[in-house]
């Protein structure tokens, strides 16, 4: 049985929080040549997560498109972090 959209969003938020290195020191993020800007991308993703955490807390139900958009954003940021050697392969 598939979870309802609220539960699915909560699970996605938890998975992203546990997967991405939001606590990595800025000096390591900007160490050497980079493809994209890991620091700005992590800040953007963190903002998106905080927004959805707040929206869920206030009872808003996400649509499937919201889940898809956040998932695509997380995958794109993940690829950039991999290219920059900040994550292991997926």
PDB file of N, CA and C in Angstrom:
ATOM      1  N   UNK A   1       0.838  -1.182   0.000  1.00  0.00           N
ATOM      2  CA  UNK A   1       0.000   0.000   0.000  1.00  0.00           C
ATOM      3  C   UNK A   1       0.883   1.245   0.000  1.00  0.00           C
ATOM      4  N   UNK A   2       0.594   2.170  -0.890  1.00  0.00           N
ATOM      5  CA  UNK A   2       1.371   3.394  -0.992  1.00  0.00           C
ATOM      6  C   UNK A   2       0.954   4.364   0.112  1.00  0.00           C
ATOM      7  N   UNK A   3       1.923   5.146   0.625  1.00  0.00           N
ATOM      8  CA  UNK A   3       1.565   6.127   1.656  1.00  0.00           C
ATOM      9  C   UNK A   3       0.811   7.309   1.052  1.00  0.00           C
ATOM     10  N   UNK A   4       0.057   7.993   1.896  1.00  0.00           N
ATOM     11  CA  UNK A   4      -0.629   9.208   1.445  1.00  0.00           C
ATOM     12  C   UNK A   4       0.433  10.288   1.199  1.00  0.00           C
ATOM     13  N   UNK A   5       0.103  11.352   0.462  1.00  0.00           N
ATOM     14  CA  UNK A   5       1.099  12.374   0.116  1.00  0.00           C
ATOM     15  C   UNK A   5       1.798  13.018   1.321  1.00  0.00           C
ATOM     16  N   UNK A   6       1.082  13.238   2.421  1.00  0.00           N
ATOM     17  CA  UNK A   6       1.717  13.829   3.615  1.00  0.00           C
ATOM     18  C   UNK A   6       2.792  12.901   4.167  1.00  0.00           C
ATOM     19  N   UNK A   7       2.465  11.623   4.264  1.00  0.00           N
ATOM     20  CA  UNK A   7       3.431  10.646   4.771  1.00  0.00           C
ATOM     21  C   UNK A   7       4.597  10.505   3.813  1.00  0.00           C
ATOM     22  N   UNK A   8       4.315  10.474   2.513  1.00  0.00           N
ATOM     23  CA  UNK A   8       5.372  10.357   1.515  1.00  0.00           C
ATOM     24  C   UNK A   8       6.322  11.559   1.582  1.00  0.00           C
ATOM     25  N   UNK A   9       5.780  12.769   1.770  1.00  0.00           N
ATOM     26  CA  UNK A   9       6.622  13.961   1.865  1.00  0.00           C
ATOM     27  C   UNK A   9       7.471  13.899   3.140  1.00  0.00           C
ATOM     28  N   UNK A  10       6.880  13.477   4.240  1.00  0.00           N
ATOM     29  CA  UNK A  10       7.636  13.362   5.491  1.00  0.00           C
ATOM     30  C   UNK A  10       8.783  12.364   5.333  1.00  0.00           C
ATOM     31  N   UNK A  11       8.521  11.255   4.654  1.00  0.00           N
ATOM     32  CA  UNK A  11       9.566  10.252   4.418  1.00  0.00           C
ATOM     33  C   UNK A  11      10.664  10.810   3.505  1.00  0.00           C
ATOM     34  N   UNK A  12      10.270  11.550   2.472  1.00  0.00           N
ATOM     35  CA  UNK A  12      11.243  12.152   1.564  1.00  0.00           C
ATOM     36  C   UNK A  12      12.113  13.172   2.305  1.00  0.00           C
ATOM     37  N   UNK A  13      11.495  14.003   3.124  1.00  0.00           N
ATOM     38  CA  UNK A  13      12.242  14.989   3.897  1.00  0.00           C
ATOM     39  C   UNK A  13      13.257  14.316   4.812  1.00  0.00           C
ATOM     40  N   UNK A  14      12.833  13.255   5.474  1.00  0.00           N
ATOM     41  CA  UNK A  14      13.721  12.519   6.378  1.00  0.00           C
ATOM     42  C   UNK A  14      14.888  11.897   5.605  1.00  0.00           C
ATOM     43  N   UNK A  15      14.593  11.294   4.462  1.00  0.00           N
ATOM     44  CA  UNK A  15      15.638  10.657   3.663  1.00  0.00           C
ATOM     45  C   UNK A  15      16.663  11.686   3.173  1.00  0.00           C
ATOM     46  N   UNK A  16      16.193  12.828   2.705  1.00  0.00           N
ATOM     47  CA  UNK A  16      17.106  13.858   2.217  1.00  0.00           C
ATOM     48  C   UNK A  16      17.952  14.393   3.374  1.00  0.00           C
ATOM     49  N   UNK A  17      17.337  14.656   4.514  1.00  0.00           N
ATOM     50  CA  UNK A  17      18.079  15.148   5.682  1.00  0.00           C
ATOM     51  C   UNK A  17      19.170  14.156   6.103  1.00  0.00           C
ATOM     52  N   UNK A  18      18.874  12.857   6.000  1.00  0.00           N
ATOM     53  CA  UNK A  18      19.837  11.835   6.417  1.00  0.00           C
ATOM     54  C   UNK A  18      20.916  11.571   5.364  1.00  0.00           C
ATOM     55  N   UNK A  19      20.676  11.930   4.116  1.00  0.00           N
ATOM     56  CA  UNK A  19      21.590  11.624   3.021  1.00  0.00           C
ATOM     57  C   UNK A  19      22.584  12.749   2.748  1.00  0.00           C
ATOM     58  N   UNK A  20      22.141  13.981   2.831  1.00  0.00           N
ATOM     59  CA  UNK A  20      22.962  15.120   2.441  1.00  0.00           C
ATOM     60  C   UNK A  20      23.783  15.656   3.614  1.00  0.00           C
ATOM     61  N   UNK A  21      25.011  16.120   3.329  1.00  0.00           N
ATOM     62  CA  UNK A  21      25.897  16.623   4.388  1.00  0.00           C
ATOM     63  C   UNK A  21      25.648  18.106   4.700  1.00  0.00           C
ATOM     64  N   UNK A  22      24.502  18.410   5.317  1.00  0.00           N
ATOM     65  CA  UNK A  22      24.170  19.799   5.610  1.00  0.00           C
ATOM     66  C   UNK A  22      25.108  20.406   6.655  1.00  0.00           C
ATOM     67  N   UNK A  23      25.781  19.561   7.423  1.00  0.00           N
ATOM     68  CA  UNK A  23      26.656  20.055   8.481  1.00  0.00           C
ATOM     69  C   UNK A  23      28.129  20.125   8.065  1.00  0.00           C
ATOM     70  N   UNK A  24      28.416  19.919   6.800  1.00  0.00           N
ATOM     71  CA  UNK A  24      29.795  19.945   6.309  1.00  0.00           C
ATOM     72  C   UNK A  24      30.351  21.376   6.425  1.00  0.00           C
ATOM     73  N   UNK A  25      31.590  21.519   6.879  1.00  0.00           N
ATOM     74  CA  UNK A  25      32.159  22.866   7.021  1.00  0.00           C
ATOM     75  C   UNK A  25      32.280  23.585   5.678  1.00  0.00           C
ATOM     76  N   UNK A  26      31.987  24.882   5.663  1.00  0.00           N
ATOM     77  CA  UNK A  26      32.074  25.649   4.410  1.00  0.00           C
ATOM     78  C   UNK A  26      33.445  25.565   3.746  1.00  0.00           C
ATOM     79  N   UNK A  27      34.498  25.456   4.530  1.00  0.00           N
ATOM     80  CA  UNK A  27      35.841  25.365   3.955  1.00  0.00           C
ATOM     81  C   UNK A  27      35.982  24.108   3.099  1.00  0.00           C
ATOM     82  N   UNK A  28      35.364  23.026   3.496  1.00  0.00           N
ATOM     83  CA  UNK A  28      35.424  21.788   2.715  1.00  0.00           C
ATOM     84  C   UNK A  28      34.546  21.879   1.470  1.00  0.00           C
ATOM     85  N   UNK A  29      33.435  22.582   1.580  1.00  0.00           N
ATOM     86  CA  UNK A  29      32.534  22.742   0.434  1.00  0.00           C
ATOM     87  C   UNK A  29      33.212  23.506  -0.693  1.00  0.00           C
ATOM     88  N   UNK A  30      34.040  24.459  -0.339  1.00  0.00           N
ATOM     89  CA  UNK A  30      34.669  25.326  -1.334  1.00  0.00           C
ATOM     90  C   UNK A  30      36.149  25.007  -1.513  1.00  0.00           C
ATOM     91  N   UNK A  31      36.528  23.779  -1.293  1.00  0.00           N
ATOM     92  CA  UNK A  31      37.922  23.359  -1.395  1.00  0.00           C
ATOM     93  C   UNK A  31      38.226  22.885  -2.810  1.00  0.00           C
ATOM     94  N   UNK A  32      39.012  23.670  -3.540  1.00  0.00           N
ATOM     95  CA  UNK A  32      39.415  23.266  -4.881  1.00  0.00           C
ATOM     96  C   UNK A  32      38.393  23.629  -5.935  1.00  0.00           C
ATOM     97  N   UNK A  33      38.672  23.189  -7.175  1.00  0.00           N
ATOM     98  CA  UNK A  33      37.746  23.492  -8.268  1.00  0.00           C
ATOM     99  C   UNK A  33      36.408  22.771  -8.057  1.00  0.00           C
ATOM    100  N   UNK A  34      35.352  23.435  -8.474  1.00  0.00           N
ATOM    101  CA  UNK A  34      34.052  22.793  -8.279  1.00  0.00           C
ATOM    102  C   UNK A  34      33.183  22.959  -9.515  1.00  0.00           C
ATOM    103  N   UNK A  35      32.254  22.030  -9.624  1.00  0.00           N
ATOM    104  CA  UNK A  35      31.274  22.045 -10.690  1.00  0.00           C
ATOM    105  C   UNK A  35      29.950  22.422 -10.042  1.00  0.00           C
ATOM    106  N   UNK A  36      29.448  23.599 -10.333  1.00  0.00           N
ATOM    107  CA  UNK A  36      28.283  24.086  -9.615  1.00  0.00           C
ATOM    108  C   UNK A  36      28.781  24.680  -8.312  1.00  0.00           C
ATOM    109  N   UNK A  37      27.922  25.121  -7.465  1.00  0.00           N
ATOM    110  CA  UNK A  37      28.326  25.666  -6.171  1.00  0.00           C
ATOM    111  C   UNK A  37      27.654  24.839  -5.078  1.00  0.00           C
ATOM    112  N   UNK A  38      28.370  23.848  -4.531  1.00  0.00           N
ATOM    113  CA  UNK A  38      27.773  22.984  -3.518  1.00  0.00           C
ATOM    114  C   UNK A  38      27.193  23.757  -2.337  1.00  0.00           C
ATOM    115  N   UNK A  39      27.887  24.826  -1.914  1.00  0.00           N
ATOM    116  CA  UNK A  39      27.409  25.590  -0.762  1.00  0.00           C
ATOM    117  C   UNK A  39      26.037  26.188  -1.044  1.00  0.00           C
ATOM    118  N   UNK A  40      25.907  26.861  -2.187  1.00  0.00           N
ATOM    119  CA  UNK A  40      24.627  27.487  -2.527  1.00  0.00           C
ATOM    120  C   UNK A  40      23.535  26.443  -2.771  1.00  0.00           C
ATOM    121  N   UNK A  41      23.902  25.335  -3.401  1.00  0.00           N
ATOM    122  CA  UNK A  41      22.912  24.285  -3.655  1.00  0.00           C
ATOM    123  C   UNK A  41      22.410  23.663  -2.360  1.00  0.00           C
ATOM    124  N   UNK A  42      23.317  23.415  -1.400  1.00  0.00           N
ATOM    125  CA  UNK A  42      22.887  22.863  -0.109  1.00  0.00           C
ATOM    126  C   UNK A  42      22.014  23.861   0.644  1.00  0.00           C
ATOM    127  N   UNK A  43      22.368  25.141   0.569  1.00  0.00           N
ATOM    128  CA  UNK A  43      21.547  26.162   1.221  1.00  0.00           C
ATOM    129  C   UNK A  43      20.153  26.201   0.598  1.00  0.00           C
ATOM    130  N   UNK A  44      20.093  26.132  -0.725  1.00  0.00           N
ATOM    131  CA  UNK A  44      18.803  26.142  -1.421  1.00  0.00           C
ATOM    132  C   UNK A  44      17.967  24.927  -1.022  1.00  0.00           C
ATOM    133  N   UNK A  45      18.594  23.751  -1.042  1.00  0.00           N
ATOM    134  CA  UNK A  45      17.870  22.531  -0.694  1.00  0.00           C
ATOM    135  C   UNK A  45      17.401  22.576   0.754  1.00  0.00           C
ATOM    136  N   UNK A  46      18.246  23.066   1.653  1.00  0.00           N
ATOM    137  CA  UNK A  46      17.877  23.179   3.061  1.00  0.00           C
ATOM    138  C   UNK A  46      16.668  24.102   3.227  1.00  0.00           C
ATOM    139  N   UNK A  47      16.646  25.191   2.472  1.00  0.00           N
ATOM    140  CA  UNK A  47      15.510  26.118   2.511  1.00  0.00           C
ATOM    141  C   UNK A  47      14.229  25.422   2.050  1.00  0.00           C
ATOM    142  N   UNK A  48      14.334  24.651   0.966  1.00  0.00           N
ATOM    143  CA  UNK A  48      13.171  23.914   0.462  1.00  0.00           C
ATOM    144  C   UNK A  48      12.661  22.921   1.506  1.00  0.00           C
ATOM    145  N   UNK A  49      13.582  22.211   2.163  1.00  0.00           N
ATOM    146  CA  UNK A  49      13.192  21.237   3.186  1.00  0.00           C
ATOM    147  C   UNK A  49      12.521  21.923   4.369  1.00  0.00           C
ATOM    148  N   UNK A  50      13.117  23.028   4.822  1.00  0.00           N
ATOM    149  CA  UNK A  50      12.530  23.762   5.951  1.00  0.00           C
ATOM    150  C   UNK A  50      11.127  24.253   5.615  1.00  0.00           C
ATOM    151  N   UNK A  51      10.954  24.731   4.388  1.00  0.00           N
ATOM    152  CA  UNK A  51       9.637  25.210   3.958  1.00  0.00           C
ATOM    153  C   UNK A  51       8.604  24.089   4.022  1.00  0.00           C
ATOM    154  N   UNK A  52       8.959  22.906   3.501  1.00  0.00           N
ATOM    155  CA  UNK A  52       8.009  21.800   3.511  1.00  0.00           C
ATOM    156  C   UNK A  52       7.795  21.248   4.915  1.00  0.00           C
ATOM    157  N   UNK A  53       8.814  21.251   5.744  1.00  0.00           N
ATOM    158  CA  UNK A  53       8.630  20.809   7.131  1.00  0.00           C
ATOM    159  C   UNK A  53       7.623  21.720   7.836  1.00  0.00           C
ATOM    160  N   UNK A  54       7.743  23.024   7.601  1.00  0.00           N
ATOM    161  CA  UNK A  54       6.825  23.984   8.201  1.00  0.00           C
ATOM    162  C   UNK A  54       5.412  23.819   7.640  1.00  0.00           C
ATOM    163  N   UNK A  55       5.317  23.626   6.336  1.00  0.00           N
ATOM    164  CA  UNK A  55       3.998  23.455   5.711  1.00  0.00           C
ATOM    165  C   UNK A  55       3.295  22.197   6.215  1.00  0.00           C
ATOM    166  N   UNK A  56       4.059  21.114   6.379  1.00  0.00           N
ATOM    167  CA  UNK A  56       3.464  19.885   6.909  1.00  0.00           C
ATOM    168  C   UNK A  56       3.027  20.077   8.353  1.00  0.00           C
ATOM    169  N   UNK A  57       3.850  20.799   9.121  1.00  0.00           N
ATOM    170  CA  UNK A  57       3.537  21.056  10.528  1.00  0.00           C
ATOM    171  C   UNK A  57       2.226  21.820  10.668  1.00  0.00           C
ATOM    172  N   UNK A  58       1.942  22.669   9.692  1.00  0.00           N
ATOM    173  CA  UNK A  58       0.714  23.456   9.721  1.00  0.00           C
ATOM    174  C   UNK A  58      -0.445  22.781   8.983  1.00  0.00           C
ATOM    175  N   UNK A  59      -0.289  21.501   8.673  1.00  0.00           N
ATOM    176  CA  UNK A  59      -1.393  20.717   8.134  1.00  0.00           C
ATOM    177  C   UNK A  59      -1.572  20.732   6.629  1.00  0.00           C
ATOM    178  N   UNK A  60      -0.666  21.354   5.900  1.00  0.00           N
ATOM    179  CA  UNK A  60      -0.810  21.385   4.441  1.00  0.00           C
ATOM    180  C   UNK A  60      -0.499  20.011   3.850  1.00  0.00           C
ATOM    181  N   UNK A  61      -1.293  19.633   2.879  1.00  0.00           N
ATOM    182  CA  UNK A  61      -1.077  18.348   2.200  1.00  0.00           C
ATOM    183  C   UNK A  61      -0.414  18.611   0.848  1.00  0.00           C
ATOM    184  N   UNK A  62       0.756  18.019   0.617  1.00  0.00           N
ATOM    185  CA  UNK A  62       1.423  18.215  -0.672  1.00  0.00           C
ATOM    186  C   UNK A  62       0.711  17.459  -1.784  1.00  0.00           C
ATOM    187  N   UNK A  63       0.889  17.953  -2.997  1.00  0.00           N
ATOM    188  CA  UNK A  63       0.379  17.238  -4.164  1.00  0.00           C
ATOM    189  C   UNK A  63       1.504  16.362  -4.687  1.00  0.00           C
ATOM    190  N   UNK A  64       1.168  15.451  -5.565  1.00  0.00           N
ATOM    191  CA  UNK A  64       2.190  14.561  -6.123  1.00  0.00           C
ATOM    192  C   UNK A  64       3.255  15.350  -6.884  1.00  0.00           C
ATOM    193  N   UNK A  65       2.869  16.434  -7.518  1.00  0.00           N
ATOM    194  CA  UNK A  65       3.822  17.287  -8.223  1.00  0.00           C
ATOM    195  C   UNK A  65       4.842  17.910  -7.277  1.00  0.00           C
ATOM    196  N   UNK A  66       4.394  18.225  -6.062  1.00  0.00           N
ATOM    197  CA  UNK A  66       5.308  18.785  -5.061  1.00  0.00           C
ATOM    198  C   UNK A  66       6.368  17.759  -4.675  1.00  0.00           C
ATOM    199  N   UNK A  67       5.931  16.528  -4.499  1.00  0.00           N
ATOM    200  CA  UNK A  67       6.860  15.439  -4.173  1.00  0.00           C
ATOM    201  C   UNK A  67       7.857  15.236  -5.309  1.00  0.00           C
ATOM    202  N   UNK A  68       7.361  15.233  -6.520  1.00  0.00           N
ATOM    203  CA  UNK A  68       8.213  15.037  -7.690  1.00  0.00           C
ATOM    204  C   UNK A  68       9.242  16.153  -7.809  1.00  0.00           C
ATOM    205  N   UNK A  69       8.802  17.404  -7.637  1.00  0.00           N
ATOM    206  CA  UNK A  69       9.698  18.549  -7.759  1.00  0.00           C
ATOM    207  C   UNK A  69      10.820  18.495  -6.721  1.00  0.00           C
ATOM    208  N   UNK A  70      10.465  18.219  -5.473  1.00  0.00           N
ATOM    209  CA  UNK A  70      11.470  18.155  -4.416  1.00  0.00           C
ATOM    210  C   UNK A  70      12.424  16.984  -4.658  1.00  0.00           C
ATOM    211  N   UNK A  71      11.897  15.863  -5.104  1.00  0.00           N
ATOM    212  CA  UNK A  71      12.737  14.701  -5.402  1.00  0.00           C
ATOM    213  C   UNK A  71      13.713  14.990  -6.529  1.00  0.00           C
ATOM    214  N   UNK A  72      13.252  15.655  -7.588  1.00  0.00           N
ATOM    215  CA  UNK A  72      14.138  15.998  -8.711  1.00  0.00           C
ATOM    216  C   UNK A  72      15.221  16.978  -8.270  1.00  0.00           C
ATOM    217  N   UNK A  73      14.840  17.959  -7.468  1.00  0.00           N
ATOM    218  CA  UNK A  73      15.817  18.922  -6.963  1.00  0.00           C
ATOM    219  C   UNK A  73      16.891  18.208  -6.144  1.00  0.00           C
ATOM    220  N   UNK A  74      16.466  17.311  -5.265  1.00  0.00           N
ATOM    221  CA  UNK A  74      17.418  16.578  -4.424  1.00  0.00           C
ATOM    222  C   UNK A  74      18.357  15.724  -5.283  1.00  0.00           C
ATOM    223  N   UNK A  75      17.822  15.078  -6.312  1.00  0.00           N
ATOM    224  CA  UNK A  75      18.678  14.255  -7.192  1.00  0.00           C
ATOM    225  C   UNK A  75      19.713  15.110  -7.916  1.00  0.00           C
ATOM    226  N   UNK A  76      19.307  16.286  -8.390  1.00  0.00           N
ATOM    227  CA  UNK A  76      20.232  17.170  -9.101  1.00  0.00           C
ATOM    228  C   UNK A  76      21.340  17.662  -8.172  1.00  0.00           C
ATOM    229  N   UNK A  77      20.976  18.054  -6.964  1.00  0.00           N
ATOM    230  CA  UNK A  77      21.976  18.510  -5.992  1.00  0.00           C
ATOM    231  C   UNK A  77      22.899  17.345  -5.635  1.00  0.00           C
ATOM    232  N   UNK A  78      22.344  16.158  -5.513  1.00  0.00           N
ATOM    233  CA  UNK A  78      23.146  14.968  -5.189  1.00  0.00           C
ATOM    234  C   UNK A  78      24.210  14.734  -6.257  1.00  0.00           C
ATOM    235  N   UNK A  79      23.831  14.866  -7.522  1.00  0.00           N
ATOM    236  CA  UNK A  79      24.793  14.675  -8.615  1.00  0.00           C
ATOM    237  C   UNK A  79      25.934  15.691  -8.541  1.00  0.00           C
ATOM    238  N   UNK A  80      25.617  16.938  -8.254  1.00  0.00           N
ATOM    239  CA  UNK A  80      26.652  17.969  -8.153  1.00  0.00           C
ATOM    240  C   UNK A  80      27.585  17.656  -6.979  1.00  0.00           C
ATOM    241  N   UNK A  81      27.025  17.236  -5.851  1.00  0.00           N
ATOM    242  CA  UNK A  81      27.854  16.916  -4.691  1.00  0.00           C
ATOM    243  C   UNK A  81      28.753  15.722  -4.989  1.00  0.00           C
ATOM    244  N   UNK A  82      28.240  14.743  -5.741  1.00  0.00           N
ATOM    245  CA  UNK A  82      29.068  13.603  -6.148  1.00  0.00           C
ATOM    246  C   UNK A  82      30.219  14.057  -7.035  1.00  0.00           C
ATOM    247  N   UNK A  83      29.924  14.918  -8.020  1.00  0.00           N
ATOM    248  CA  UNK A  83      30.964  15.416  -8.933  1.00  0.00           C
ATOM    249  C   UNK A  83      32.075  16.129  -8.172  1.00  0.00           C
ATOM    250  N   UNK A  84      31.705  16.778  -7.073  1.00  0.00           N
ATOM    251  CA  UNK A  84      32.669  17.522  -6.287  1.00  0.00           C
ATOM    252  C   UNK A  84      33.304  16.671  -5.189  1.00  0.00           C
ATOM    253  N   UNK A  85      33.003  15.380  -5.168  1.00  0.00           N
ATOM    254  CA  UNK A  85      33.616  14.471  -4.199  1.00  0.00           C
ATOM    255  C   UNK A  85      33.130  14.648  -2.769  1.00  0.00           C
ATOM    256  N   UNK A  86      31.926  15.184  -2.599  1.00  0.00           N
ATOM    257  CA  UNK A  86      31.396  15.408  -1.261  1.00  0.00           C
ATOM    258  C   UNK A  86      30.460  14.306  -0.800  1.00  0.00           C
ATOM    259  N   UNK A  87      30.146  13.388  -1.695  1.00  0.00           N
ATOM    260  CA  UNK A  87      29.272  12.239  -1.397  1.00  0.00           C
ATOM    261  C   UNK A  87      29.827  11.014  -2.095  1.00  0.00           C
ATOM    262  N   UNK A  88      29.477   9.872  -1.575  1.00  0.00           N
ATOM    263  CA  UNK A  88      29.783   8.636  -2.303  1.00  0.00           C
ATOM    264  C   UNK A  88      28.742   8.441  -3.374  1.00  0.00           C
ATOM    265  N   UNK A  89      28.905   7.466  -4.266  1.00  0.00           N
ATOM    266  CA  UNK A  89      27.890   7.215  -5.292  1.00  0.00           C
ATOM    267  C   UNK A  89      26.552   6.846  -4.666  1.00  0.00           C
ATOM    268  N   UNK A  90      25.480   7.130  -5.383  1.00  0.00           N
ATOM    269  CA  UNK A  90      24.117   6.848  -4.885  1.00  0.00           C
ATOM    270  C   UNK A  90      23.905   5.378  -4.679  1.00  0.00           C
TER     271      UNK A  90
END
